[in-house]
């Protein structure tokens, strides 16, 4: 499920029913506005696209914006640790858990690639605030990227 607002993509959701946003009064179905979102996500899953060129309209606070913008800089097929993200935004390693929380609050998973963030030793930790099936989905997204572009220097190892 995806939602597009006046300024861009507002929400992307997989099958995590507990994460589907509640409809807002005034929302209307607009398939035309979602055509480009569908096309680009389809290309990503087909392996012909490694990034997205979509207008984004995510809410959040300044810390979340810093984290989410940092996630947009992680190259396709690579991973970073929560600590590396914390350091990259100038917060220091102590902010690793806060980075994890911001990743969990990401309204645009896949488009803002929070699945590319792993634990300090490369472990898969958290995805969509612990939604049922979240870790499995994170693994599948990373495995997909690694099949398309084999990793060089990633912490995550395919099992």
N, C-alpha and C. Protein backbone atom coordinates (compact mmCIF):
# COMPACT_ATOMS: atom_id res chain seq x y z
N UNK A 1 0.84 -1.17 0.00
CA UNK A 1 0.00 0.00 0.00
C UNK A 1 0.89 1.24 0.00
N UNK A 2 0.51 2.23 -0.74
CA UNK A 2 1.25 3.49 -0.78
C UNK A 2 0.25 4.64 -0.75
N UNK A 3 0.70 5.75 -0.21
CA UNK A 3 -0.13 6.96 -0.18
C UNK A 3 0.70 8.12 -0.70
N UNK A 4 0.10 8.93 -1.55
CA UNK A 4 0.75 10.10 -2.12
C UNK A 4 -0.04 11.33 -1.71
N UNK A 5 0.68 12.34 -1.22
CA UNK A 5 0.06 13.61 -0.87
C UNK A 5 0.36 14.64 -1.93
N UNK A 6 0.01 15.87 -1.65
CA UNK A 6 0.21 16.96 -2.62
C UNK A 6 1.68 17.18 -2.95
N UNK A 7 2.58 16.92 -1.98
CA UNK A 7 4.01 17.18 -2.18
C UNK A 7 4.82 15.94 -2.51
N UNK A 8 4.21 14.76 -2.47
CA UNK A 8 4.96 13.57 -2.80
C UNK A 8 4.50 12.35 -2.04
N UNK A 9 5.32 11.30 -2.11
CA UNK A 9 5.02 10.02 -1.46
C UNK A 9 5.03 10.20 0.05
N UNK A 10 3.95 9.79 0.70
CA UNK A 10 3.77 9.97 2.14
C UNK A 10 4.01 8.67 2.90
N UNK A 11 3.61 7.55 2.32
CA UNK A 11 3.68 6.28 3.04
C UNK A 11 3.81 5.12 2.07
N UNK A 12 4.61 4.13 2.47
CA UNK A 12 4.71 2.85 1.77
C UNK A 12 4.56 1.79 2.84
N UNK A 13 3.75 0.80 2.59
CA UNK A 13 3.56 -0.25 3.57
C UNK A 13 3.52 -1.59 2.87
N UNK A 14 4.16 -2.57 3.51
CA UNK A 14 4.11 -3.93 2.99
C UNK A 14 2.85 -4.58 3.52
N UNK A 15 2.94 -5.75 4.04
CA UNK A 15 1.76 -6.45 4.52
C UNK A 15 1.63 -6.38 6.03
N UNK A 16 2.35 -5.45 6.65
CA UNK A 16 2.29 -5.33 8.10
C UNK A 16 1.02 -4.58 8.48
N UNK A 17 -0.05 -5.33 8.72
CA UNK A 17 -1.35 -4.71 8.97
C UNK A 17 -1.31 -3.73 10.13
N UNK A 18 -0.47 -3.99 11.13
CA UNK A 18 -0.41 -3.09 12.27
C UNK A 18 0.25 -1.76 11.92
N UNK A 19 0.85 -1.65 10.74
CA UNK A 19 1.52 -0.41 10.34
C UNK A 19 0.77 0.36 9.26
N UNK A 20 -0.36 -0.16 8.79
CA UNK A 20 -1.12 0.54 7.75
C UNK A 20 -1.71 1.80 8.36
N UNK A 21 -1.42 2.97 7.76
CA UNK A 21 -1.95 4.20 8.32
C UNK A 21 -3.47 4.25 8.24
N UNK A 22 -4.07 4.84 9.24
CA UNK A 22 -5.52 5.00 9.24
C UNK A 22 -5.88 6.07 8.21
N UNK A 23 -6.94 5.85 7.44
CA UNK A 23 -7.34 6.86 6.46
C UNK A 23 -7.62 8.20 7.13
N UNK A 24 -7.26 9.23 6.45
CA UNK A 24 -7.47 10.59 6.93
C UNK A 24 -8.70 11.14 6.21
N UNK A 25 -9.59 11.84 6.95
CA UNK A 25 -10.74 12.43 6.25
C UNK A 25 -10.27 13.26 5.06
N UNK A 26 -10.91 13.08 3.95
CA UNK A 26 -10.53 13.81 2.75
C UNK A 26 -9.63 13.02 1.81
N UNK A 27 -9.10 11.87 2.27
CA UNK A 27 -8.29 11.04 1.37
C UNK A 27 -9.18 10.55 0.24
N UNK A 28 -8.64 10.53 -0.94
CA UNK A 28 -9.34 9.99 -2.09
C UNK A 28 -8.39 9.07 -2.85
N UNK A 29 -8.96 8.09 -3.47
CA UNK A 29 -8.14 7.17 -4.27
C UNK A 29 -7.74 7.89 -5.56
N UNK A 30 -6.44 7.83 -5.88
CA UNK A 30 -5.93 8.49 -7.08
C UNK A 30 -4.89 7.58 -7.71
N UNK A 31 -5.36 6.65 -8.52
CA UNK A 31 -4.45 5.68 -9.13
C UNK A 31 -3.41 6.34 -10.02
N UNK A 32 -3.77 7.41 -10.70
CA UNK A 32 -2.82 8.09 -11.59
C UNK A 32 -1.62 8.61 -10.81
N UNK A 33 -1.86 9.14 -9.62
CA UNK A 33 -0.76 9.68 -8.80
C UNK A 33 0.18 8.57 -8.34
N UNK A 34 -0.32 7.35 -8.28
CA UNK A 34 0.50 6.24 -7.81
C UNK A 34 1.18 5.47 -8.93
N UNK A 35 0.86 5.77 -10.18
CA UNK A 35 1.44 5.03 -11.30
C UNK A 35 2.97 5.04 -11.28
N UNK A 36 3.57 6.20 -11.05
CA UNK A 36 5.04 6.29 -11.04
C UNK A 36 5.63 5.53 -9.86
N UNK A 37 4.96 5.59 -8.71
CA UNK A 37 5.41 4.83 -7.54
C UNK A 37 5.39 3.34 -7.86
N UNK A 38 4.28 2.87 -8.42
CA UNK A 38 4.16 1.46 -8.79
C UNK A 38 5.25 1.05 -9.78
N UNK A 39 5.46 1.89 -10.79
CA UNK A 39 6.45 1.58 -11.83
C UNK A 39 7.84 1.44 -11.23
N UNK A 40 8.24 2.41 -10.41
CA UNK A 40 9.59 2.38 -9.86
C UNK A 40 9.78 1.24 -8.87
N UNK A 41 8.78 0.97 -8.03
CA UNK A 41 8.90 -0.16 -7.10
C UNK A 41 8.95 -1.47 -7.89
N UNK A 42 8.14 -1.59 -8.93
CA UNK A 42 8.19 -2.78 -9.79
C UNK A 42 9.55 -2.97 -10.42
N UNK A 43 10.15 -1.89 -10.89
CA UNK A 43 11.49 -1.97 -11.48
C UNK A 43 12.52 -2.38 -10.44
N UNK A 44 12.37 -1.89 -9.21
CA UNK A 44 13.31 -2.26 -8.14
C UNK A 44 13.24 -3.78 -7.92
N UNK A 45 12.02 -4.31 -7.80
CA UNK A 45 11.88 -5.74 -7.58
C UNK A 45 12.29 -6.56 -8.79
N UNK A 46 12.21 -5.99 -9.99
CA UNK A 46 12.66 -6.69 -11.20
C UNK A 46 14.17 -6.65 -11.35
N UNK A 47 14.83 -5.85 -10.52
CA UNK A 47 16.29 -5.76 -10.57
C UNK A 47 16.82 -4.77 -11.59
N UNK A 48 15.95 -3.93 -12.14
CA UNK A 48 16.39 -2.95 -13.13
C UNK A 48 16.53 -1.54 -12.56
N UNK A 49 16.25 -1.37 -11.29
CA UNK A 49 16.36 -0.07 -10.63
C UNK A 49 17.04 -0.27 -9.29
N UNK A 50 17.98 0.63 -8.96
CA UNK A 50 18.69 0.52 -7.68
C UNK A 50 18.39 1.69 -6.74
N UNK A 51 17.63 2.64 -7.19
CA UNK A 51 17.24 3.79 -6.37
C UNK A 51 15.94 4.35 -6.89
N UNK A 52 15.42 5.33 -6.19
CA UNK A 52 14.12 5.88 -6.54
C UNK A 52 14.24 7.37 -6.84
N UNK A 53 13.45 7.80 -7.79
CA UNK A 53 13.39 9.21 -8.18
C UNK A 53 11.95 9.67 -7.99
N UNK A 54 11.56 9.79 -6.74
CA UNK A 54 10.19 10.15 -6.39
C UNK A 54 10.21 11.35 -5.46
N UNK A 55 9.23 12.21 -5.59
CA UNK A 55 9.07 13.30 -4.62
C UNK A 55 8.60 12.66 -3.32
N UNK A 56 9.25 13.02 -2.22
CA UNK A 56 8.93 12.44 -0.92
C UNK A 56 8.36 13.52 0.00
N UNK A 57 7.38 13.13 0.79
CA UNK A 57 6.74 14.05 1.72
C UNK A 57 6.61 13.35 3.07
N UNK A 58 7.76 13.12 3.71
CA UNK A 58 7.71 12.43 4.99
C UNK A 58 7.68 13.46 6.12
N UNK A 59 6.94 13.13 7.16
CA UNK A 59 6.87 14.00 8.33
C UNK A 59 8.12 13.81 9.17
N UNK A 60 7.95 13.79 10.47
CA UNK A 60 9.06 13.52 11.36
C UNK A 60 9.71 14.77 11.91
N UNK A 61 10.62 14.54 12.84
CA UNK A 61 11.34 15.63 13.50
C UNK A 61 12.73 15.78 12.87
N UNK A 62 13.48 16.81 13.25
CA UNK A 62 14.80 17.03 12.63
C UNK A 62 15.75 15.84 12.77
N UNK A 63 15.74 15.16 13.92
CA UNK A 63 16.61 13.99 14.08
C UNK A 63 16.22 12.90 13.08
N UNK A 64 14.92 12.61 12.98
CA UNK A 64 14.46 11.60 12.03
C UNK A 64 14.84 11.99 10.60
N UNK A 65 14.69 13.26 10.26
CA UNK A 65 15.07 13.70 8.91
C UNK A 65 16.55 13.45 8.66
N UNK A 66 17.39 13.73 9.66
CA UNK A 66 18.83 13.50 9.50
C UNK A 66 19.11 12.02 9.26
N UNK A 67 18.45 11.16 10.04
CA UNK A 67 18.64 9.71 9.88
C UNK A 67 18.15 9.28 8.50
N UNK A 68 16.93 9.65 8.15
CA UNK A 68 16.35 9.19 6.89
C UNK A 68 17.16 9.70 5.70
N UNK A 69 17.63 10.93 5.76
CA UNK A 69 18.47 11.44 4.67
C UNK A 69 19.79 10.68 4.58
N UNK A 70 20.33 10.27 5.73
CA UNK A 70 21.55 9.46 5.74
C UNK A 70 21.29 8.09 5.11
N UNK A 71 20.13 7.52 5.37
CA UNK A 71 19.79 6.22 4.78
C UNK A 71 19.73 6.31 3.26
N UNK A 72 19.28 7.44 2.76
CA UNK A 72 19.21 7.63 1.30
C UNK A 72 20.59 7.61 0.65
N UNK A 73 21.63 7.81 1.46
CA UNK A 73 23.01 7.83 0.94
C UNK A 73 23.66 6.45 0.93
N UNK A 74 23.03 5.45 1.54
CA UNK A 74 23.61 4.10 1.56
C UNK A 74 23.44 3.49 0.18
N UNK A 75 24.54 3.13 -0.49
CA UNK A 75 24.41 2.57 -1.84
C UNK A 75 23.66 1.24 -1.85
N UNK A 76 22.98 1.01 -2.93
CA UNK A 76 22.28 -0.25 -3.18
C UNK A 76 23.27 -1.41 -3.00
N UNK A 77 22.84 -2.44 -2.29
CA UNK A 77 23.69 -3.61 -2.11
C UNK A 77 24.72 -3.48 -1.00
N UNK A 78 24.68 -2.39 -0.24
CA UNK A 78 25.60 -2.19 0.87
C UNK A 78 24.80 -2.00 2.16
N UNK A 79 25.48 -2.19 3.27
CA UNK A 79 24.85 -1.96 4.57
C UNK A 79 25.69 -1.01 5.40
N UNK A 80 25.06 -0.44 6.40
CA UNK A 80 25.73 0.37 7.41
C UNK A 80 25.17 -0.06 8.76
N UNK A 81 25.93 0.18 9.81
CA UNK A 81 25.43 -0.13 11.15
C UNK A 81 24.68 1.09 11.69
N UNK A 82 23.88 0.83 12.72
CA UNK A 82 23.17 1.92 13.39
C UNK A 82 24.19 2.93 13.92
N UNK A 83 25.30 2.43 14.45
CA UNK A 83 26.35 3.31 14.96
C UNK A 83 26.98 4.16 13.88
N UNK A 84 27.21 3.57 12.71
CA UNK A 84 27.78 4.34 11.60
C UNK A 84 26.83 5.47 11.17
N UNK A 85 25.55 5.17 11.17
CA UNK A 85 24.57 6.22 10.83
C UNK A 85 24.60 7.31 11.89
N UNK A 86 24.63 6.92 13.17
CA UNK A 86 24.66 7.91 14.25
C UNK A 86 25.86 8.83 14.11
N UNK A 87 27.02 8.26 13.84
CA UNK A 87 28.24 9.06 13.68
C UNK A 87 28.13 9.94 12.43
N UNK A 88 27.57 9.41 11.36
CA UNK A 88 27.49 10.17 10.10
C UNK A 88 26.61 11.41 10.21
N UNK A 89 25.67 11.40 11.15
CA UNK A 89 24.80 12.57 11.31
C UNK A 89 25.27 13.46 12.46
N UNK A 90 26.47 13.15 12.99
CA UNK A 90 27.07 14.00 14.01
C UNK A 90 26.57 13.78 15.42
N UNK A 91 25.95 12.65 15.67
CA UNK A 91 25.39 12.38 17.00
C UNK A 91 26.28 11.48 17.85
N UNK A 92 27.21 10.79 17.26
CA UNK A 92 28.06 9.88 18.02
C UNK A 92 27.43 8.53 18.20
N UNK A 93 28.27 7.56 18.50
CA UNK A 93 27.85 6.16 18.60
C UNK A 93 26.77 5.95 19.66
N UNK A 94 26.73 6.80 20.67
CA UNK A 94 25.74 6.65 21.74
C UNK A 94 24.31 6.82 21.23
N UNK A 95 24.14 7.39 20.07
CA UNK A 95 22.81 7.61 19.51
C UNK A 95 22.34 6.42 18.65
N UNK A 96 23.05 5.30 18.72
CA UNK A 96 22.70 4.14 17.89
C UNK A 96 21.26 3.68 18.09
N UNK A 97 20.82 3.60 19.34
CA UNK A 97 19.45 3.15 19.60
C UNK A 97 18.43 4.15 19.07
N UNK A 98 18.73 5.43 19.20
CA UNK A 98 17.83 6.45 18.67
C UNK A 98 17.75 6.34 17.15
N UNK A 99 18.86 6.01 16.51
CA UNK A 99 18.86 5.78 15.06
C UNK A 99 17.94 4.61 14.75
N UNK A 100 18.03 3.54 15.54
CA UNK A 100 17.16 2.39 15.33
C UNK A 100 15.69 2.75 15.46
N UNK A 101 15.38 3.59 16.42
CA UNK A 101 13.99 4.04 16.59
C UNK A 101 13.55 4.85 15.37
N UNK A 102 14.41 5.74 14.89
CA UNK A 102 14.08 6.53 13.70
C UNK A 102 13.89 5.62 12.48
N UNK A 103 14.71 4.58 12.38
CA UNK A 103 14.54 3.62 11.27
C UNK A 103 13.17 2.95 11.37
N UNK A 104 12.79 2.58 12.58
CA UNK A 104 11.49 1.95 12.79
C UNK A 104 10.33 2.87 12.48
N UNK A 105 10.55 4.17 12.62
CA UNK A 105 9.50 5.16 12.33
C UNK A 105 9.45 5.56 10.86
N UNK A 106 10.36 5.04 10.06
CA UNK A 106 10.45 5.39 8.64
C UNK A 106 9.12 5.10 7.94
N UNK A 107 8.47 6.13 7.41
CA UNK A 107 7.18 5.92 6.74
C UNK A 107 7.32 5.39 5.31
N UNK A 108 8.56 5.35 4.80
CA UNK A 108 8.79 4.97 3.40
C UNK A 108 9.82 3.86 3.27
N UNK A 109 9.62 2.71 3.98
CA UNK A 109 10.60 1.64 3.85
C UNK A 109 10.72 1.21 2.39
N UNK A 110 11.87 0.76 2.02
CA UNK A 110 12.30 0.43 0.67
C UNK A 110 12.75 1.70 -0.04
N UNK A 111 11.90 2.72 -0.12
CA UNK A 111 12.27 3.98 -0.78
C UNK A 111 13.35 4.68 0.04
N UNK A 112 13.15 4.79 1.35
CA UNK A 112 14.20 5.21 2.28
C UNK A 112 14.70 3.90 2.88
N UNK A 113 15.85 3.41 2.44
CA UNK A 113 16.24 2.01 2.66
C UNK A 113 16.72 1.66 4.07
N UNK A 114 15.79 1.66 5.01
CA UNK A 114 16.16 1.29 6.38
C UNK A 114 16.57 -0.18 6.48
N UNK A 115 16.20 -0.99 5.49
CA UNK A 115 16.60 -2.40 5.49
C UNK A 115 18.11 -2.56 5.35
N UNK A 116 18.81 -1.51 4.94
CA UNK A 116 20.27 -1.57 4.76
C UNK A 116 21.02 -1.27 6.05
N UNK A 117 20.31 -1.09 7.15
CA UNK A 117 20.97 -0.80 8.42
C UNK A 117 20.94 -2.06 9.28
N UNK A 118 22.13 -2.45 9.76
CA UNK A 118 22.28 -3.69 10.52
C UNK A 118 22.93 -3.41 11.87
N UNK A 119 22.94 -4.43 12.72
CA UNK A 119 23.57 -4.32 14.02
C UNK A 119 25.09 -4.19 13.90
N UNK A 120 25.73 -3.88 15.02
CA UNK A 120 27.17 -3.61 15.06
C UNK A 120 28.02 -4.73 14.48
N UNK A 121 27.58 -5.96 14.62
CA UNK A 121 28.34 -7.10 14.11
C UNK A 121 27.71 -7.69 12.85
N UNK A 122 26.87 -6.91 12.20
CA UNK A 122 26.24 -7.37 10.97
C UNK A 122 24.96 -8.14 11.16
N UNK A 123 24.48 -8.21 12.39
CA UNK A 123 23.25 -8.96 12.65
C UNK A 123 22.03 -8.19 12.16
N UNK A 124 21.01 -8.94 11.78
CA UNK A 124 19.75 -8.31 11.39
C UNK A 124 18.95 -8.04 12.64
N UNK A 125 18.77 -6.78 12.93
CA UNK A 125 18.03 -6.38 14.12
C UNK A 125 16.97 -5.39 13.72
N UNK A 126 15.75 -5.67 14.12
CA UNK A 126 14.66 -4.74 13.94
C UNK A 126 14.32 -4.41 12.50
N UNK A 127 13.04 -4.27 12.26
CA UNK A 127 12.52 -3.78 10.99
C UNK A 127 11.06 -3.47 11.23
N UNK A 128 10.65 -2.27 10.91
CA UNK A 128 9.26 -1.83 11.08
C UNK A 128 8.78 -2.01 12.51
N UNK A 129 9.59 -1.57 13.44
CA UNK A 129 9.27 -1.64 14.87
C UNK A 129 8.83 -3.03 15.31
N UNK A 130 9.52 -4.03 14.84
CA UNK A 130 9.24 -5.38 15.28
C UNK A 130 7.96 -5.97 14.72
N UNK A 131 7.44 -5.42 13.64
CA UNK A 131 6.22 -5.97 13.04
C UNK A 131 6.43 -7.45 12.73
N UNK A 132 5.39 -8.23 12.89
CA UNK A 132 5.47 -9.66 12.62
C UNK A 132 5.99 -9.88 11.21
N UNK A 133 7.05 -10.65 11.08
CA UNK A 133 7.64 -10.92 9.78
C UNK A 133 8.64 -9.87 9.32
N UNK A 134 8.89 -8.87 10.15
CA UNK A 134 9.76 -7.77 9.77
C UNK A 134 11.19 -8.18 9.47
N UNK A 135 11.80 -8.98 10.35
CA UNK A 135 13.19 -9.41 10.14
C UNK A 135 13.29 -10.26 8.87
N UNK A 136 12.31 -11.13 8.65
CA UNK A 136 12.31 -11.93 7.43
C UNK A 136 12.22 -11.06 6.18
N UNK A 137 11.40 -10.02 6.24
CA UNK A 137 11.29 -9.09 5.11
C UNK A 137 12.60 -8.36 4.90
N UNK A 138 13.25 -7.93 5.98
CA UNK A 138 14.53 -7.23 5.87
C UNK A 138 15.56 -8.14 5.19
N UNK A 139 15.61 -9.39 5.61
CA UNK A 139 16.52 -10.37 5.01
C UNK A 139 16.23 -10.52 3.52
N UNK A 140 14.96 -10.65 3.16
CA UNK A 140 14.60 -10.83 1.75
C UNK A 140 15.01 -9.62 0.91
N UNK A 141 14.81 -8.41 1.44
CA UNK A 141 15.18 -7.21 0.69
C UNK A 141 16.70 -7.16 0.47
N UNK A 142 17.46 -7.47 1.52
CA UNK A 142 18.92 -7.48 1.38
C UNK A 142 19.38 -8.58 0.43
N UNK A 143 18.81 -9.76 0.55
CA UNK A 143 19.18 -10.85 -0.35
C UNK A 143 18.88 -10.48 -1.80
N UNK A 144 17.76 -9.82 -2.02
CA UNK A 144 17.42 -9.37 -3.38
C UNK A 144 18.51 -8.44 -3.91
N UNK A 145 18.89 -7.45 -3.11
CA UNK A 145 19.92 -6.51 -3.55
C UNK A 145 21.25 -7.22 -3.80
N UNK A 146 21.60 -8.16 -2.94
CA UNK A 146 22.89 -8.84 -3.07
C UNK A 146 22.91 -9.76 -4.29
N UNK A 147 21.74 -10.28 -4.69
CA UNK A 147 21.68 -11.09 -5.92
C UNK A 147 21.92 -10.20 -7.15
N UNK A 148 21.37 -9.00 -7.11
CA UNK A 148 21.50 -8.08 -8.24
C UNK A 148 22.90 -7.47 -8.28
N UNK A 149 23.39 -7.06 -7.13
CA UNK A 149 24.72 -6.45 -7.04
C UNK A 149 25.43 -7.09 -5.84
N UNK A 150 26.24 -8.12 -6.08
CA UNK A 150 26.92 -8.79 -4.97
C UNK A 150 27.71 -7.80 -4.11
N UNK A 151 27.62 -7.99 -2.79
CA UNK A 151 28.24 -7.03 -1.87
C UNK A 151 29.76 -7.12 -1.85
N UNK A 152 30.36 -5.98 -1.64
CA UNK A 152 31.80 -5.89 -1.40
C UNK A 152 31.97 -5.06 -0.15
N UNK A 153 32.36 -5.69 0.92
CA UNK A 153 32.58 -4.95 2.15
C UNK A 153 31.33 -4.73 2.99
N UNK A 154 30.34 -5.58 2.85
CA UNK A 154 29.15 -5.46 3.67
C UNK A 154 29.31 -6.30 4.93
N UNK A 155 28.65 -5.92 5.98
CA UNK A 155 28.71 -6.70 7.21
C UNK A 155 27.76 -7.89 7.18
N UNK A 156 26.66 -7.74 6.48
CA UNK A 156 25.63 -8.78 6.45
C UNK A 156 26.08 -9.91 5.54
N UNK A 157 26.00 -11.12 6.03
CA UNK A 157 26.37 -12.29 5.23
C UNK A 157 25.13 -13.13 4.97
N UNK A 158 24.95 -13.57 3.75
CA UNK A 158 23.83 -14.43 3.44
C UNK A 158 24.02 -15.77 4.12
N UNK A 159 22.97 -16.27 4.69
CA UNK A 159 23.03 -17.55 5.39
C UNK A 159 22.52 -18.64 4.49
